[in-house]
Amino acid sequence: MPPLKLLALDVEDLQVISSLLQDAVVRVGDMAYVPSQKRFAAILNRFDWESAEEDGKGYKRRRTALRFDRVLRAQHKDLRPQKPDRVLSLLAIRFDEGEAPSGKVTLIFSGDVVIQLDVECVEAEMRDLGPSWSTRRKPEHPGDEAAGPEEPGAAGA
């Protein structure tokens, strides 16, 4: 599958990006909020769900950039920025509308880590940065058939 480049300008668009980034792994040090630019950005290794094969052969990851613009404030819970090599797994991205079109974008990670962005409106981009590479395992979720755990050191996987 060719690299993706998607823009999100509303909640439905953001839900598509959230589904594509489910189970992406990211180092804490690969995320940044730049208040002067009203921007939050992250570089993740996303699991390539759209091309995953059922037989367990052909699982892939891709290096992917995620950017949110028009960010007024960023807060986090249990992120531990002093540990930049800590690896987190992104579970979902949610938008809770405030006074339209503003609201809060919430990035939910495993381990009860949360990043919340106060935004003027939904304005995000997801862009694959290069070719995919093979990975041995498909991420597992409660209730899934046993696929085996994600390999150790998944940030480089």
N, C-alpha and C. Protein backbone atom coordinates (compact mmCIF):
# COMPACT_ATOMS: atom_id res chain seq x y z
N MET A 1 0.84 -1.18 0.00
CA MET A 1 0.00 0.00 0.00
C MET A 1 0.89 1.25 0.00
N PRO A 2 0.56 2.22 -0.80
CA PRO A 2 1.37 3.45 -0.84
C PRO A 2 1.23 4.23 0.47
N PRO A 3 2.21 5.09 0.76
CA PRO A 3 2.14 5.90 1.97
C PRO A 3 0.87 6.77 1.99
N LEU A 4 0.34 6.96 3.20
CA LEU A 4 -0.87 7.76 3.36
C LEU A 4 -0.53 9.20 3.74
N LYS A 5 -1.39 10.11 3.33
CA LYS A 5 -1.35 11.51 3.75
C LYS A 5 -2.80 11.94 3.92
N LEU A 6 -3.20 12.16 5.17
CA LEU A 6 -4.59 12.49 5.46
C LEU A 6 -4.69 13.78 6.26
N LEU A 7 -5.72 14.55 5.98
CA LEU A 7 -6.05 15.74 6.76
C LEU A 7 -7.34 15.47 7.52
N ALA A 8 -7.42 16.01 8.72
CA ALA A 8 -8.65 15.93 9.51
C ALA A 8 -9.11 17.35 9.82
N LEU A 9 -10.32 17.66 9.35
CA LEU A 9 -10.89 18.98 9.60
C LEU A 9 -12.21 18.90 10.35
N ASP A 10 -12.62 17.67 10.71
CA ASP A 10 -13.82 17.49 11.51
C ASP A 10 -13.70 16.19 12.30
N VAL A 11 -14.69 15.91 13.12
CA VAL A 11 -14.66 14.74 14.00
C VAL A 11 -14.59 13.44 13.21
N GLU A 12 -15.33 13.34 12.12
CA GLU A 12 -15.32 12.12 11.33
C GLU A 12 -13.94 11.86 10.73
N ASP A 13 -13.29 12.90 10.23
CA ASP A 13 -11.94 12.75 9.71
C ASP A 13 -10.98 12.29 10.81
N LEU A 14 -11.13 12.85 12.01
CA LEU A 14 -10.25 12.50 13.12
C LEU A 14 -10.47 11.04 13.54
N GLN A 15 -11.69 10.55 13.43
CA GLN A 15 -11.96 9.15 13.75
C GLN A 15 -11.23 8.21 12.78
N VAL A 16 -11.13 8.60 11.52
CA VAL A 16 -10.39 7.80 10.54
C VAL A 16 -8.91 7.75 10.93
N ILE A 17 -8.34 8.90 11.26
CA ILE A 17 -6.94 8.95 11.67
C ILE A 17 -6.74 8.13 12.94
N SER A 18 -7.66 8.23 13.89
CA SER A 18 -7.57 7.46 15.12
C SER A 18 -7.53 5.96 14.83
N SER A 19 -8.39 5.51 13.92
CA SER A 19 -8.41 4.07 13.61
C SER A 19 -7.11 3.62 12.94
N LEU A 20 -6.54 4.46 12.10
CA LEU A 20 -5.28 4.10 11.43
C LEU A 20 -4.09 4.12 12.38
N LEU A 21 -4.18 4.93 13.43
CA LEU A 21 -3.08 5.03 14.38
C LEU A 21 -3.26 4.14 15.61
N GLN A 22 -4.34 3.38 15.67
CA GLN A 22 -4.53 2.48 16.80
C GLN A 22 -3.33 1.54 16.88
N ASP A 23 -2.77 1.43 18.06
CA ASP A 23 -1.61 0.57 18.35
C ASP A 23 -0.30 1.11 17.81
N ALA A 24 -0.26 2.37 17.39
CA ALA A 24 1.02 2.98 17.04
C ALA A 24 1.84 3.10 18.31
N VAL A 25 3.15 2.91 18.18
CA VAL A 25 4.03 3.08 19.32
C VAL A 25 4.85 4.35 19.11
N VAL A 26 5.11 5.03 20.23
CA VAL A 26 5.79 6.31 20.17
C VAL A 26 6.66 6.47 21.41
N ARG A 27 7.84 7.01 21.22
CA ARG A 27 8.68 7.38 22.36
C ARG A 27 8.21 8.73 22.89
N VAL A 28 8.24 8.89 24.20
CA VAL A 28 7.85 10.16 24.81
C VAL A 28 8.66 11.30 24.20
N GLY A 29 9.94 11.07 23.94
CA GLY A 29 10.82 12.09 23.37
C GLY A 29 10.51 12.44 21.92
N ASP A 30 9.63 11.66 21.28
CA ASP A 30 9.25 11.93 19.89
C ASP A 30 7.93 12.69 19.79
N MET A 31 7.52 13.31 20.89
CA MET A 31 6.32 14.15 20.89
C MET A 31 6.70 15.53 21.41
N ALA A 32 6.08 16.57 20.86
CA ALA A 32 6.40 17.92 21.30
C ALA A 32 5.22 18.85 21.09
N TYR A 33 5.06 19.77 22.05
CA TYR A 33 4.10 20.86 21.92
C TYR A 33 4.91 22.14 21.77
N VAL A 34 4.62 22.92 20.72
CA VAL A 34 5.32 24.18 20.46
C VAL A 34 4.29 25.30 20.58
N PRO A 35 4.17 25.90 21.76
CA PRO A 35 3.14 26.92 21.98
C PRO A 35 3.21 28.10 21.01
N SER A 36 4.43 28.54 20.66
CA SER A 36 4.57 29.70 19.77
C SER A 36 4.00 29.43 18.38
N GLN A 37 3.94 28.15 17.98
CA GLN A 37 3.38 27.78 16.68
C GLN A 37 1.98 27.18 16.81
N LYS A 38 1.49 27.09 18.04
CA LYS A 38 0.18 26.46 18.32
C LYS A 38 0.13 25.07 17.68
N ARG A 39 1.18 24.29 17.91
CA ARG A 39 1.31 23.00 17.23
C ARG A 39 1.74 21.91 18.21
N PHE A 40 1.14 20.74 18.05
CA PHE A 40 1.58 19.52 18.72
C PHE A 40 1.94 18.53 17.63
N ALA A 41 3.08 17.87 17.78
CA ALA A 41 3.51 16.92 16.74
C ALA A 41 4.11 15.69 17.40
N ALA A 42 4.00 14.58 16.69
CA ALA A 42 4.58 13.32 17.15
C ALA A 42 5.03 12.50 15.95
N ILE A 43 6.06 11.72 16.16
CA ILE A 43 6.52 10.75 15.16
C ILE A 43 6.29 9.37 15.77
N LEU A 44 5.47 8.57 15.10
CA LEU A 44 5.08 7.27 15.62
C LEU A 44 5.46 6.16 14.66
N ASN A 45 5.45 4.95 15.16
CA ASN A 45 5.55 3.76 14.32
C ASN A 45 4.16 3.12 14.36
N ARG A 46 3.42 3.31 13.28
CA ARG A 46 2.06 2.79 13.28
C ARG A 46 2.00 1.39 12.71
N PHE A 47 1.10 0.60 13.26
CA PHE A 47 0.85 -0.73 12.71
C PHE A 47 0.00 -0.52 11.47
N ASP A 48 0.37 -1.18 10.37
CA ASP A 48 -0.30 -0.99 9.08
C ASP A 48 -1.53 -1.90 9.02
N TRP A 49 -2.60 -1.46 9.68
CA TRP A 49 -3.83 -2.26 9.76
C TRP A 49 -4.44 -2.49 8.38
N GLU A 50 -4.32 -1.52 7.48
CA GLU A 50 -5.00 -1.63 6.19
C GLU A 50 -4.41 -2.71 5.30
N SER A 51 -3.18 -3.16 5.58
CA SER A 51 -2.60 -4.21 4.75
C SER A 51 -2.28 -5.48 5.53
N ALA A 52 -2.71 -5.56 6.80
CA ALA A 52 -2.42 -6.73 7.63
C ALA A 52 -3.09 -7.97 7.03
N GLU A 53 -2.32 -9.03 6.95
CA GLU A 53 -2.83 -10.29 6.42
C GLU A 53 -3.28 -11.18 7.57
N GLU A 54 -4.31 -11.96 7.34
CA GLU A 54 -4.86 -12.85 8.36
C GLU A 54 -3.93 -13.98 8.75
N ASP A 55 -3.05 -14.43 7.87
CA ASP A 55 -2.24 -15.61 8.13
C ASP A 55 -1.02 -15.34 9.02
N GLY A 56 -0.83 -14.11 9.46
CA GLY A 56 0.30 -13.81 10.32
C GLY A 56 1.59 -13.51 9.58
N LYS A 57 1.55 -13.53 8.27
CA LYS A 57 2.73 -13.19 7.47
C LYS A 57 2.43 -11.88 6.76
N GLY A 58 3.32 -10.97 6.87
CA GLY A 58 3.11 -9.71 6.18
C GLY A 58 2.70 -8.56 7.07
N TYR A 59 2.80 -8.70 8.40
CA TYR A 59 2.51 -7.57 9.27
C TYR A 59 3.59 -6.51 9.07
N LYS A 60 3.15 -5.24 9.10
CA LYS A 60 4.09 -4.15 8.82
C LYS A 60 3.85 -2.98 9.76
N ARG A 61 4.86 -2.17 9.89
CA ARG A 61 4.78 -0.88 10.58
C ARG A 61 5.32 0.18 9.64
N ARG A 62 4.91 1.41 9.89
CA ARG A 62 5.36 2.56 9.10
C ARG A 62 5.68 3.71 10.04
N ARG A 63 6.72 4.43 9.72
CA ARG A 63 7.04 5.67 10.44
C ARG A 63 6.05 6.71 9.96
N THR A 64 5.37 7.36 10.90
CA THR A 64 4.27 8.26 10.57
C THR A 64 4.33 9.52 11.42
N ALA A 65 4.09 10.65 10.80
CA ALA A 65 4.02 11.92 11.52
C ALA A 65 2.55 12.25 11.79
N LEU A 66 2.31 12.79 12.97
CA LEU A 66 0.98 13.27 13.35
C LEU A 66 1.15 14.70 13.83
N ARG A 67 0.31 15.59 13.29
CA ARG A 67 0.42 17.01 13.64
C ARG A 67 -0.96 17.57 13.92
N PHE A 68 -1.06 18.34 15.01
CA PHE A 68 -2.28 19.10 15.31
C PHE A 68 -1.90 20.57 15.30
N ASP A 69 -2.66 21.38 14.56
CA ASP A 69 -2.47 22.82 14.54
C ASP A 69 -3.59 23.49 15.31
N ARG A 70 -3.40 24.78 15.58
CA ARG A 70 -4.36 25.60 16.32
C ARG A 70 -4.57 25.09 17.74
N VAL A 71 -3.47 24.63 18.33
CA VAL A 71 -3.48 24.11 19.70
C VAL A 71 -3.21 25.26 20.67
N LEU A 72 -4.14 25.49 21.57
CA LEU A 72 -4.03 26.58 22.53
C LEU A 72 -3.29 26.17 23.80
N ARG A 73 -3.43 24.89 24.16
CA ARG A 73 -2.81 24.40 25.39
C ARG A 73 -2.70 22.88 25.32
N ALA A 74 -1.65 22.36 25.94
CA ALA A 74 -1.46 20.91 26.01
C ALA A 74 -1.23 20.53 27.47
N GLN A 75 -1.92 19.48 27.89
CA GLN A 75 -1.77 18.95 29.24
C GLN A 75 -1.56 17.44 29.12
N HIS A 76 -0.96 16.86 30.15
CA HIS A 76 -0.77 15.42 30.12
C HIS A 76 -0.98 14.81 31.49
N LYS A 77 -1.26 13.51 31.48
CA LYS A 77 -1.42 12.74 32.71
C LYS A 77 -0.50 11.53 32.60
N ASP A 78 0.40 11.38 33.56
CA ASP A 78 1.31 10.22 33.66
C ASP A 78 2.24 10.06 32.47
N LEU A 79 2.56 11.12 31.77
CA LEU A 79 3.43 11.03 30.60
C LEU A 79 4.90 10.79 30.98
N ARG A 80 5.36 11.40 32.05
CA ARG A 80 6.75 11.32 32.50
C ARG A 80 7.73 11.85 31.45
N PRO A 81 7.67 13.14 31.13
CA PRO A 81 8.56 13.71 30.11
C PRO A 81 10.04 13.55 30.44
N GLN A 82 10.38 13.34 31.69
CA GLN A 82 11.78 13.14 32.07
C GLN A 82 12.31 11.77 31.62
N LYS A 83 11.43 10.94 31.05
CA LYS A 83 11.84 9.63 30.52
C LYS A 83 11.56 9.60 29.01
N PRO A 84 12.40 10.28 28.21
CA PRO A 84 12.13 10.41 26.77
C PRO A 84 12.17 9.09 26.00
N ASP A 85 12.80 8.05 26.54
CA ASP A 85 12.87 6.78 25.83
C ASP A 85 11.72 5.85 26.18
N ARG A 86 10.85 6.26 27.06
CA ARG A 86 9.68 5.45 27.42
C ARG A 86 8.80 5.29 26.18
N VAL A 87 8.36 4.06 25.92
CA VAL A 87 7.53 3.76 24.75
C VAL A 87 6.08 3.62 25.18
N LEU A 88 5.21 4.33 24.45
CA LEU A 88 3.77 4.29 24.71
C LEU A 88 3.05 3.72 23.49
N SER A 89 1.91 3.12 23.73
CA SER A 89 1.07 2.60 22.65
C SER A 89 -0.20 3.44 22.58
N LEU A 90 -0.45 4.03 21.42
CA LEU A 90 -1.63 4.87 21.23
C LEU A 90 -2.86 3.99 21.03
N LEU A 91 -3.87 4.21 21.84
CA LEU A 91 -5.10 3.43 21.75
C LEU A 91 -6.16 4.13 20.91
N ALA A 92 -6.30 5.45 21.10
CA ALA A 92 -7.35 6.18 20.38
C ALA A 92 -7.11 7.68 20.48
N ILE A 93 -7.76 8.39 19.56
CA ILE A 93 -7.80 9.85 19.58
C ILE A 93 -9.27 10.24 19.61
N ARG A 94 -9.62 11.09 20.54
CA ARG A 94 -11.02 11.48 20.72
C ARG A 94 -11.13 13.01 20.67
N PHE A 95 -12.29 13.50 20.22
CA PHE A 95 -12.56 14.93 20.22
C PHE A 95 -13.84 15.20 20.99
N ASP A 96 -13.75 16.10 21.96
CA ASP A 96 -14.91 16.54 22.73
C ASP A 96 -15.12 18.01 22.42
N GLU A 97 -16.25 18.30 21.78
CA GLU A 97 -16.54 19.66 21.34
C GLU A 97 -16.85 20.57 22.53
N GLY A 98 -16.31 21.78 22.44
CA GLY A 98 -16.62 22.83 23.40
C GLY A 98 -17.56 23.80 22.71
N GLU A 99 -17.23 25.08 22.77
CA GLU A 99 -17.99 26.06 22.03
C GLU A 99 -17.52 25.98 20.58
N ALA A 100 -18.38 25.49 19.69
CA ALA A 100 -18.01 25.18 18.31
C ALA A 100 -17.28 26.35 17.66
N PRO A 101 -16.22 26.07 16.95
CA PRO A 101 -15.67 24.77 16.59
C PRO A 101 -14.57 24.27 17.53
N SER A 102 -14.37 24.94 18.68
CA SER A 102 -13.29 24.57 19.58
C SER A 102 -13.63 23.31 20.36
N GLY A 103 -12.64 22.80 21.06
CA GLY A 103 -12.87 21.62 21.89
C GLY A 103 -11.56 21.07 22.39
N LYS A 104 -11.62 19.80 22.79
CA LYS A 104 -10.45 19.12 23.34
C LYS A 104 -10.18 17.85 22.54
N VAL A 105 -8.96 17.72 22.07
CA VAL A 105 -8.49 16.49 21.43
C VAL A 105 -7.76 15.71 22.52
N THR A 106 -8.14 14.46 22.71
CA THR A 106 -7.51 13.62 23.72
C THR A 106 -6.83 12.44 23.05
N LEU A 107 -5.55 12.29 23.30
CA LEU A 107 -4.78 11.13 22.84
C LEU A 107 -4.69 10.18 24.03
N ILE A 108 -5.21 8.98 23.85
CA ILE A 108 -5.28 8.01 24.93
C ILE A 108 -4.27 6.89 24.65
N PHE A 109 -3.39 6.67 25.61
CA PHE A 109 -2.33 5.67 25.49
C PHE A 109 -2.54 4.57 26.52
N SER A 110 -1.91 3.43 26.26
CA SER A 110 -1.92 2.37 27.25
C SER A 110 -1.23 2.87 28.51
N GLY A 111 -1.47 2.18 29.62
CA GLY A 111 -0.85 2.58 30.87
C GLY A 111 -1.48 3.81 31.48
N ASP A 112 -2.69 4.17 31.06
CA ASP A 112 -3.44 5.30 31.61
C ASP A 112 -2.75 6.65 31.36
N VAL A 113 -1.98 6.74 30.28
CA VAL A 113 -1.34 8.00 29.89
C VAL A 113 -2.29 8.74 28.95
N VAL A 114 -2.45 10.03 29.18
CA VAL A 114 -3.36 10.84 28.39
C VAL A 114 -2.68 12.17 28.06
N ILE A 115 -2.85 12.61 26.81
CA ILE A 115 -2.46 13.97 26.42
C ILE A 115 -3.72 14.66 25.94
N GLN A 116 -4.00 15.83 26.50
CA GLN A 116 -5.19 16.57 26.11
C GLN A 116 -4.78 17.91 25.50
N LEU A 117 -5.31 18.18 24.31
CA LEU A 117 -5.00 19.40 23.58
C LEU A 117 -6.25 20.27 23.50
N ASP A 118 -6.18 21.48 24.01
CA ASP A 118 -7.27 22.44 23.80
C ASP A 118 -7.03 23.06 22.44
N VAL A 119 -8.01 22.93 21.54
CA VAL A 119 -7.84 23.38 20.17
C VAL A 119 -8.91 24.39 19.77
N GLU A 120 -8.52 25.29 18.85
CA GLU A 120 -9.49 26.24 18.29
C GLU A 120 -10.50 25.51 17.43
N CYS A 121 -10.04 24.45 16.75
CA CYS A 121 -10.87 23.62 15.87
C CYS A 121 -10.07 22.36 15.54
N VAL A 122 -10.73 21.40 14.92
CA VAL A 122 -10.01 20.20 14.47
C VAL A 122 -9.21 20.56 13.22
N GLU A 123 -7.89 20.44 13.34
CA GLU A 123 -7.02 20.63 12.19
C GLU A 123 -5.79 19.75 12.42
N ALA A 124 -5.78 18.60 11.78
CA ALA A 124 -4.71 17.63 12.00
C ALA A 124 -4.26 17.03 10.67
N GLU A 125 -3.03 16.51 10.68
CA GLU A 125 -2.51 15.81 9.52
C GLU A 125 -1.79 14.56 10.00
N MET A 126 -2.00 13.46 9.28
CA MET A 126 -1.26 12.22 9.47
C MET A 126 -0.55 11.94 8.15
N ARG A 127 0.76 11.71 8.20
CA ARG A 127 1.53 11.50 6.97
C ARG A 127 2.57 10.41 7.19
N ASP A 128 2.50 9.36 6.36
CA ASP A 128 3.54 8.33 6.38
C ASP A 128 4.82 8.94 5.84
N LEU A 129 5.94 8.59 6.49
CA LEU A 129 7.20 9.23 6.16
C LEU A 129 8.12 8.38 5.29
N GLY A 130 7.76 7.17 5.05
CA GLY A 130 8.64 6.33 4.24
C GLY A 130 8.06 4.95 4.08
N PRO A 131 8.88 4.02 3.61
CA PRO A 131 8.38 2.67 3.36
C PRO A 131 8.08 1.93 4.67
N SER A 132 7.27 0.89 4.54
CA SER A 132 6.95 0.06 5.70
C SER A 132 8.04 -0.97 5.90
N TRP A 133 8.06 -1.59 7.06
CA TRP A 133 8.97 -2.69 7.34
C TRP A 133 8.20 -3.79 8.04
N SER A 134 8.72 -4.98 7.97
CA SER A 134 8.05 -6.15 8.54
C SER A 134 8.15 -6.17 10.05
N THR A 135 7.11 -6.68 10.67
CA THR A 135 7.09 -6.94 12.11
C THR A 135 6.48 -8.32 12.30
N ARG A 136 6.90 -9.00 13.33
CA ARG A 136 6.47 -10.39 13.51
C ARG A 136 5.05 -10.53 14.03
N ARG A 137 4.57 -9.55 14.77
CA ARG A 137 3.31 -9.75 15.46
C ARG A 137 2.30 -8.63 15.20
N LYS A 138 1.05 -9.04 15.24
CA LYS A 138 -0.06 -8.10 15.16
C LYS A 138 -0.43 -7.71 16.59
N PRO A 139 -0.68 -6.44 16.89
CA PRO A 139 -1.09 -6.06 18.24
C PRO A 139 -2.34 -6.84 18.66
N GLU A 140 -2.38 -7.15 19.94
CA GLU A 140 -3.47 -7.94 20.49
C GLU A 140 -4.34 -7.07 21.38
N HIS A 141 -5.64 -7.32 21.32
CA HIS A 141 -6.60 -6.61 22.16
C HIS A 141 -7.41 -7.61 22.96
N PRO A 142 -7.91 -7.23 24.12
CA PRO A 142 -8.75 -8.16 24.88
C PRO A 142 -9.90 -8.66 24.00
N GLY A 143 -10.10 -9.98 24.00
CA GLY A 143 -11.17 -10.57 23.20
C GLY A 143 -10.71 -11.02 21.83
N ASP A 144 -9.52 -10.59 21.39
CA ASP A 144 -8.98 -11.04 20.10
C ASP A 144 -8.51 -12.48 20.23
N GLU A 145 -8.43 -13.17 19.12
CA GLU A 145 -7.78 -14.48 19.10
C GLU A 145 -6.32 -14.25 19.44
N ALA A 146 -5.69 -15.20 20.08
CA ALA A 146 -4.29 -15.04 20.48
C ALA A 146 -3.42 -14.80 19.26
N ALA A 147 -2.81 -13.62 19.22
CA ALA A 147 -1.90 -13.28 18.12
C ALA A 147 -0.49 -13.12 18.66
N GLY A 148 -0.34 -13.23 19.97
CA GLY A 148 0.96 -13.05 20.58
C GLY A 148 1.18 -11.59 20.89
N PRO A 149 1.97 -11.31 21.93
CA PRO A 149 2.21 -9.92 22.31
C PRO A 149 3.10 -9.21 21.29
N GLU A 150 3.00 -7.91 21.28
CA GLU A 150 3.87 -7.09 20.43
C GLU A 150 5.30 -7.34 20.86
N GLU A 151 6.21 -7.37 19.93
CA GLU A 151 7.59 -7.69 20.24
C GLU A 151 8.20 -6.62 21.13
N PRO A 152 9.15 -7.02 22.00
CA PRO A 152 9.84 -6.05 22.85
C PRO A 152 10.54 -5.01 21.99
N GLY A 153 10.70 -3.82 22.55
CA GLY A 153 11.39 -2.75 21.83
C GLY A 153 10.60 -2.30 20.62
N ALA A 154 9.27 -2.25 20.76
CA ALA A 154 8.40 -1.97 19.63
C ALA A 154 8.65 -0.62 18.98
N ALA A 155 9.27 0.31 19.70
CA ALA A 155 9.49 1.63 19.10
C ALA A 155 10.40 1.52 17.89
N GLY A 156 11.29 0.57 17.89
CA GLY A 156 12.18 0.41 16.75
C GLY A 156 11.69 -0.69 15.83
N ALA A 157 10.58 -1.30 16.21
CA ALA A 157 10.08 -2.44 15.42
C ALA A 157 9.60 -2.02 14.06
